[in-house]
Protein backbone atom coordinates (compact mmCIF):
# COMPACT_ATOMS: atom_id res chain seq x y z
CA MET A 1 -1.74 33.47 -46.46
CA LYS A 2 -1.24 36.45 -44.15
CA LYS A 3 -4.52 35.65 -42.38
CA LEU A 4 -3.44 32.05 -41.84
CA LEU A 5 -0.08 33.15 -40.37
CA PHE A 6 -1.86 35.69 -38.14
CA ILE A 7 -4.26 33.01 -36.83
CA ALA A 8 -1.36 30.60 -36.24
CA ALA A 9 0.54 33.30 -34.32
CA LEU A 10 -2.53 34.03 -32.17
CA LEU A 11 -2.99 30.34 -31.38
CA ALA A 12 0.69 29.91 -30.53
CA GLY A 13 0.55 32.95 -28.24
CA SER A 14 -2.56 31.62 -26.53
CA LEU A 15 -0.92 28.24 -25.95
CA VAL A 16 2.19 29.83 -24.46
CA GLN A 17 0.07 32.01 -22.18
CA ALA A 18 -2.11 29.05 -21.11
CA GLN A 19 0.82 26.71 -20.48
CA GLY A 20 0.60 27.09 -16.70
CA ARG A 21 -3.12 26.35 -16.87
CA VAL A 22 -2.84 23.14 -18.93
CA LYS A 23 -1.71 20.10 -16.99
CA PRO A 24 -1.57 16.38 -17.86
CA MET A 25 -3.09 14.03 -15.30
CA VAL A 26 -3.38 10.34 -14.45
CA ARG A 27 -6.12 8.66 -12.43
CA ALA A 28 -6.86 5.27 -10.89
CA GLY A 29 -9.21 3.72 -8.40
CA LEU A 30 -11.94 1.29 -7.43
CA ASN A 31 -15.12 0.57 -9.44
CA ILE A 32 -18.24 -0.76 -7.71
CA ALA A 33 -20.47 -1.72 -10.64
CA ARG A 34 -23.92 -3.24 -11.15
CA LEU A 35 -26.50 -3.77 -13.87
CA THR A 36 -29.87 -2.08 -13.41
CA ASN A 37 -33.00 -4.27 -13.31
CA ALA A 38 -30.88 -7.29 -12.38
CA GLU A 39 -29.62 -8.96 -9.22
CA ASP A 40 -28.16 -6.51 -6.75
CA ASP A 41 -24.79 -8.27 -6.72
CA ARG A 42 -22.11 -5.70 -7.43
CA VAL A 43 -18.80 -6.30 -9.16
CA THR A 44 -15.76 -4.70 -7.56
CA ASP A 45 -12.90 -3.97 -9.95
CA PHE A 46 -10.63 -1.10 -11.02
CA TYR A 47 -10.17 1.75 -13.47
CA VAL A 48 -7.12 3.65 -14.76
CA GLY A 49 -6.94 6.67 -17.01
CA ALA A 50 -5.15 9.76 -18.24
CA GLY A 51 -6.16 13.17 -19.46
CA VAL A 52 -5.43 16.86 -19.64
CA SER A 53 -6.81 19.56 -17.33
CA PHE A 54 -7.59 22.97 -18.87
CA LYS A 55 -8.11 25.52 -16.11
CA PHE A 56 -10.20 28.28 -17.67
CA SER A 57 -10.84 30.21 -14.46
CA LYS A 58 -10.49 29.95 -10.70
CA ARG A 59 -13.84 28.14 -10.56
CA TYR A 60 -13.93 26.05 -13.79
CA THR A 61 -11.71 23.30 -15.24
CA LEU A 62 -12.39 21.17 -18.32
CA GLN A 63 -10.73 17.74 -18.22
CA PRO A 64 -10.95 15.39 -21.24
CA GLU A 65 -9.98 11.83 -20.23
CA ILE A 66 -9.28 8.40 -21.69
CA ASN A 67 -10.07 5.60 -19.22
CA TYR A 68 -9.87 1.82 -19.01
CA SER A 69 -12.71 0.56 -16.81
CA ARG A 70 -13.84 -2.91 -15.70
CA GLN A 71 -17.60 -3.13 -15.03
CA GLY A 72 -20.45 -5.64 -14.83
CA GLY A 73 -22.96 -7.25 -12.51
CA SER A 74 -25.08 -10.38 -11.96
CA LEU A 75 -28.39 -11.41 -13.48
CA TYR A 76 -30.52 -14.48 -14.13
CA GLU A 77 -30.55 -15.93 -17.64
CA PHE A 78 -32.58 -18.70 -19.20
CA ASP A 79 -31.20 -21.75 -20.97
CA PRO A 80 -33.75 -24.06 -22.68
CA THR A 81 -31.85 -27.13 -21.43
CA TYR A 82 -30.89 -26.08 -17.91
CA GLY A 83 -33.52 -23.45 -17.05
CA ALA A 84 -32.75 -20.27 -15.14
CA TYR A 85 -29.26 -19.68 -13.79
CA LYS A 86 -27.29 -16.80 -12.31
CA ALA A 87 -24.71 -15.25 -14.65
CA ASP A 88 -21.88 -12.93 -13.63
CA ILE A 89 -21.30 -10.40 -16.41
CA GLU A 90 -17.87 -8.78 -16.67
CA ALA A 91 -17.04 -6.21 -19.35
CA GLN A 92 -13.96 -4.10 -19.98
CA TYR A 93 -14.22 -0.70 -21.67
CA VAL A 94 -11.94 1.99 -23.03
CA GLY A 95 -13.81 5.25 -22.75
CA ILE A 96 -13.63 8.93 -23.53
CA ALA A 97 -15.03 11.30 -20.90
CA VAL A 98 -15.28 15.09 -20.75
CA THR A 99 -15.23 16.17 -17.11
CA ASN A 100 -16.46 19.62 -16.12
CA LYS A 101 -15.19 20.64 -12.69
CA ILE A 102 -16.83 23.49 -10.78
CA TYR A 103 -14.79 24.62 -7.76
CA ILE A 104 -16.94 25.84 -4.87
CA VAL A 105 -14.13 26.70 -2.47
CA GLU A 106 -10.39 26.18 -2.73
CA GLY A 107 -9.84 22.49 -3.55
CA PHE A 108 -13.45 21.24 -3.26
CA HIS A 109 -15.30 20.68 -6.53
CA PHE A 110 -18.36 19.15 -8.12
CA LEU A 111 -17.89 17.36 -11.43
CA ALA A 112 -20.12 16.14 -14.24
CA GLY A 113 -19.93 15.17 -17.87
CA PRO A 114 -20.71 12.74 -20.67
CA ALA A 115 -18.80 9.54 -21.42
CA ILE A 116 -18.74 7.08 -24.30
CA ASP A 117 -17.24 3.64 -23.66
CA PHE A 118 -16.10 1.10 -26.25
CA LYS A 119 -16.04 -2.55 -25.18
CA VAL A 120 -12.61 -4.18 -25.46
CA GLY A 121 -13.44 -7.46 -23.68
CA ASP A 122 -16.12 -9.41 -21.85
CA ASN A 123 -17.07 -12.86 -20.58
CA HIS A 124 -20.51 -12.96 -22.25
CA ASP A 125 -21.31 -13.26 -25.97
CA ASP A 126 -24.14 -10.74 -26.12
CA VAL A 127 -22.68 -7.60 -24.51
CA GLU A 128 -23.09 -4.51 -26.73
CA GLY A 129 -19.96 -2.95 -28.22
CA PHE A 130 -20.40 0.49 -26.67
CA ASP A 131 -22.12 2.42 -23.91
CA PHE A 132 -23.00 6.09 -23.55
CA GLY A 133 -23.66 7.68 -20.19
CA ILE A 134 -23.36 10.64 -17.89
CA TYR A 135 -21.64 10.93 -14.55
CA GLY A 136 -21.42 13.25 -11.60
CA GLY A 137 -19.46 13.43 -8.41
CA VAL A 138 -17.40 15.37 -5.91
CA GLY A 139 -13.71 15.75 -5.28
CA TYR A 140 -11.05 17.53 -3.32
CA THR A 141 -7.71 18.65 -4.76
CA LEU A 142 -4.80 18.90 -2.34
CA PRO A 143 -2.21 21.69 -2.82
CA LEU A 144 0.38 19.35 -4.40
CA GLY A 145 -1.93 18.26 -7.26
CA LEU A 146 -3.33 15.04 -5.77
CA THR A 147 -7.12 14.79 -6.07
CA ILE A 148 -9.50 12.43 -4.25
CA GLU A 149 -12.78 11.86 -6.13
CA ALA A 150 -16.01 9.89 -6.00
CA ARG A 151 -18.17 9.54 -9.11
CA ILE A 152 -21.35 7.76 -10.14
CA LYS A 153 -21.94 6.96 -13.80
CA GLN A 154 -25.23 5.90 -15.35
CA GLY A 155 -25.16 4.22 -18.76
CA PHE A 156 -28.00 4.69 -21.27
CA VAL A 157 -27.41 1.75 -23.64
CA ASP A 158 -28.96 -1.65 -22.85
CA ILE A 159 -25.83 -3.79 -22.53
CA PHE A 160 -27.58 -6.70 -24.27
CA GLY A 161 -29.48 -4.71 -26.91
CA SER A 162 -32.17 -7.11 -28.09
CA ASN A 163 -30.00 -10.17 -27.46
CA VAL A 164 -31.43 -11.22 -24.09
CA ASN A 165 -32.43 -14.89 -24.31
CA THR A 166 -36.06 -15.10 -23.17
CA GLY A 167 -38.58 -17.90 -22.93
CA ASP A 168 -42.24 -18.02 -21.86
CA GLU A 169 -41.45 -20.26 -18.90
CA TYR A 170 -38.80 -17.87 -17.64
CA ASP A 171 -41.07 -14.83 -18.01
CA GLU A 172 -43.84 -16.50 -15.98
CA ASP A 173 -41.48 -17.73 -13.26
CA TYR A 174 -39.57 -14.47 -12.82
CA ASN A 175 -42.29 -11.81 -13.14
CA ASP A 176 -41.24 -10.55 -16.59
CA ASP A 177 -37.99 -9.10 -15.19
CA VAL A 178 -36.09 -10.64 -18.10
CA ASN A 179 -37.60 -8.03 -20.43
CA ASP A 180 -36.24 -5.09 -18.45
CA ILE A 181 -33.39 -3.06 -19.85
CA ARG A 182 -29.95 -3.73 -18.30
CA LEU A 183 -27.83 -0.58 -17.95
CA ASN A 184 -24.34 -0.11 -16.53
CA GLN A 185 -24.22 1.77 -13.24
CA VAL A 186 -20.81 2.41 -11.70
CA ILE A 187 -19.60 4.07 -8.50
CA SER A 188 -15.91 5.02 -8.79
CA ILE A 189 -13.71 6.06 -5.88
CA GLY A 190 -10.12 6.98 -6.56
CA VAL A 191 -7.30 9.44 -6.89
CA SER A 192 -5.80 11.49 -9.69
CA TYR A 193 -2.59 13.46 -9.98
CA ASN A 194 -1.98 16.59 -12.06
CA PHE A 195 1.64 17.08 -13.11
């Protein structure tokens, strides 16, 4: 019991000491999204999120985040009755990201981390329920806590899994592109604010 109380006291002391280095944050901005191996039409939409910044040193901050992000792209699909047609895919995700920020000089930083996204809505029956990816980017934090950032995220999960509707006629007419994997790729430009 004494050990447990000692550990609790150490943790409480650490939290009090780190209070100035732990800050909640909110973020929002523009998504420019596409699907790999598909038409190059991009979908422009938005993202919003919140998180907590843990500043471990002058040069390193860890920032777990929860984000709502709208993504998608365009591709050609095959219908046995109507043939090939262009489909606009829109998907909405709630995701968890762990951002690692490395500050090079005062305010300017590089960032990178993993993200897992869970689908909460879409306009297409066959979109997978989750995506896992990595992202990287750059940002600049102004003295008052406002940060301007640009990120690019690459998903690793085929958004259709094995559910892409294929047919021999479509494969021959479109150079087998229908068998390629479709991955989310998103460029995000926005702002965040640390309280």
